[in-house]
Amino acid sequence: MALIETTNLVVNLASRPIEPSWIIEGNPVAQSCVLSQSADGLASTIVWECSEGKFNWSYDFDETILILEGSIVLENETMPPTRYGPGDVVFFRHGAHARWHVEGRVRKLAFCRRPSPTC
């Protein structure tokens, strides 16, 4: 692995369907591309986009997102519906649950980190 890697956000995205049981409304179509990954495989940077719809999401890793285009409304049992758009940053801790409402289309840059395995 190179010590420094570069890439661009103009990439070919692959289909990454949302878990069907999580979909609440609509037919959201998700796509993504891994831009980089750590040597131990526990951290990655991903560009992800999704069409309109409402769905639940459960996080089995830490994820920080930067909204690049479009907007979403997020909510959960402790957070009222809140709209986020370009330039907004949201951090989801491992174990978080959120209801997503993608308004039209959203494109995000995601920084994901899986918890270190314990012995």
Protein backbone atom coordinates (compact mmCIF):
# COMPACT_ATOMS: atom_id res chain seq x y z
CA MET A 1 0.00 0.00 0.00
CA ALA A 2 1.18 3.48 -0.81
CA LEU A 3 1.71 5.78 2.17
CA ILE A 4 -0.16 8.55 0.35
CA GLU A 5 -3.09 7.90 -1.97
CA THR A 6 -5.13 10.39 -3.96
CA THR A 7 -8.49 10.10 -5.63
CA ASN A 8 -11.37 12.17 -6.92
CA LEU A 9 -15.08 12.23 -6.16
CA VAL A 10 -15.85 11.58 -9.83
CA VAL A 11 -16.00 7.78 -9.53
CA ASN A 12 -18.13 4.91 -10.78
CA LEU A 13 -20.61 3.98 -8.08
CA ALA A 14 -21.73 0.40 -7.49
CA SER A 15 -25.18 -0.61 -6.32
CA ARG A 16 -25.37 -1.00 -2.52
CA PRO A 17 -29.02 -1.82 -1.78
CA ILE A 18 -30.49 -0.72 1.53
CA GLU A 19 -31.65 -3.62 3.70
CA PRO A 20 -35.25 -4.11 2.46
CA SER A 21 -36.68 -4.49 6.00
CA TRP A 22 -35.29 -1.00 6.83
CA ILE A 23 -37.24 0.78 4.05
CA ILE A 24 -40.23 2.74 5.36
CA GLU A 25 -41.37 4.60 2.25
CA GLY A 26 -40.46 4.87 -1.42
CA ASN A 27 -37.85 2.95 -3.36
CA PRO A 28 -34.51 4.47 -2.32
CA VAL A 29 -31.64 3.34 -4.54
CA ALA A 30 -28.20 3.54 -2.90
CA GLN A 31 -24.81 3.43 -4.59
CA SER A 32 -21.27 3.83 -3.28
CA CYS A 33 -17.57 3.57 -3.95
CA VAL A 34 -14.77 3.01 -1.45
CA LEU A 35 -12.19 5.76 -1.98
CA SER A 36 -9.63 4.56 0.57
CA GLN A 37 -9.16 1.95 3.25
CA SER A 38 -6.74 1.63 6.15
CA ALA A 39 -4.13 -1.14 6.13
CA ASP A 40 -5.94 -2.99 8.95
CA GLY A 41 -9.28 -2.72 7.13
CA LEU A 42 -10.96 -1.01 10.08
CA ALA A 43 -11.31 2.47 8.55
CA SER A 44 -12.49 3.61 5.14
CA THR A 45 -13.60 6.65 3.19
CA ILE A 46 -16.65 6.18 0.99
CA VAL A 47 -18.66 8.32 -1.40
CA TRP A 48 -22.35 7.32 -1.19
CA GLU A 49 -25.49 8.56 -2.81
CA CYS A 50 -29.15 7.66 -2.55
CA SER A 51 -32.40 8.56 -4.26
CA GLU A 52 -35.53 9.73 -2.46
CA GLY A 53 -37.08 7.62 0.26
CA LYS A 54 -37.42 6.98 3.98
CA PHE A 55 -35.55 4.21 5.78
CA ASN A 56 -34.09 3.18 9.09
CA TRP A 57 -30.34 2.74 9.49
CA SER A 58 -28.46 0.91 12.26
CA TYR A 59 -24.76 1.59 12.71
CA ASP A 60 -22.34 -1.23 13.56
CA PHE A 61 -19.41 1.19 13.16
CA ASP A 62 -18.61 4.87 13.80
CA GLU A 63 -19.45 7.05 10.80
CA THR A 64 -18.87 10.74 10.16
CA ILE A 65 -20.62 12.10 7.09
CA LEU A 66 -20.22 15.31 5.11
CA ILE A 67 -23.24 16.13 2.94
CA LEU A 68 -21.96 17.10 -0.50
CA GLU A 69 -25.25 17.52 -2.42
CA GLY A 70 -28.96 17.28 -1.66
CA SER A 71 -30.59 17.09 1.73
CA ILE A 72 -31.80 14.65 4.36
CA VAL A 73 -33.97 14.78 7.43
CA LEU A 74 -32.69 12.67 10.33
CA GLU A 75 -34.49 11.68 13.50
CA ASN A 76 -34.41 9.06 16.24
CA GLU A 77 -35.93 8.48 19.65
CA THR A 78 -33.86 11.29 21.23
CA MET A 79 -33.57 13.70 18.28
CA PRO A 80 -36.46 15.53 16.58
CA PRO A 81 -36.55 15.63 12.75
CA THR A 82 -33.68 17.84 11.63
CA ARG A 83 -32.71 18.79 8.05
CA TYR A 84 -29.08 18.63 6.87
CA GLY A 85 -27.66 19.81 3.57
CA PRO A 86 -24.40 20.60 1.77
CA GLY A 87 -21.57 21.35 4.19
CA ASP A 88 -23.27 19.76 7.21
CA VAL A 89 -21.33 17.14 9.17
CA VAL A 90 -23.02 14.42 11.25
CA PHE A 91 -21.37 11.81 13.48
CA PHE A 92 -23.07 8.48 14.20
CA ARG A 93 -21.57 6.40 17.01
CA HIS A 94 -21.38 2.63 16.83
CA GLY A 95 -24.79 1.37 18.00
CA ALA A 96 -26.75 4.43 16.81
CA HIS A 97 -30.09 4.11 15.03
CA ALA A 98 -31.54 6.82 12.80
CA ARG A 99 -34.49 7.31 10.48
CA TRP A 100 -33.37 8.84 7.20
CA HIS A 101 -35.61 10.81 4.86
CA VAL A 102 -33.73 11.53 1.64
CA GLU A 103 -35.34 14.51 -0.06
CA GLY A 104 -34.88 13.97 -3.79
CA ARG A 105 -31.28 12.76 -3.76
CA VAL A 106 -28.30 12.98 -1.43
CA ARG A 107 -24.57 12.53 -1.97
CA LYS A 108 -22.25 12.24 1.01
CA LEU A 109 -18.65 11.58 1.88
CA ALA A 110 -18.44 9.06 4.73
CA PHE A 111 -15.53 8.35 7.05
CA CYS A 112 -16.17 4.97 8.66
CA ARG A 113 -14.31 3.19 11.45
CA ARG A 114 -15.11 -0.24 12.78
CA PRO A 115 -14.37 -0.91 16.46
CA SER A 116 -11.09 -2.74 17.02
CA PRO A 117 -11.59 -6.45 17.58
CA THR A 118 -11.22 -7.45 21.22
CA CYS A 119 -9.41 -10.58 22.35
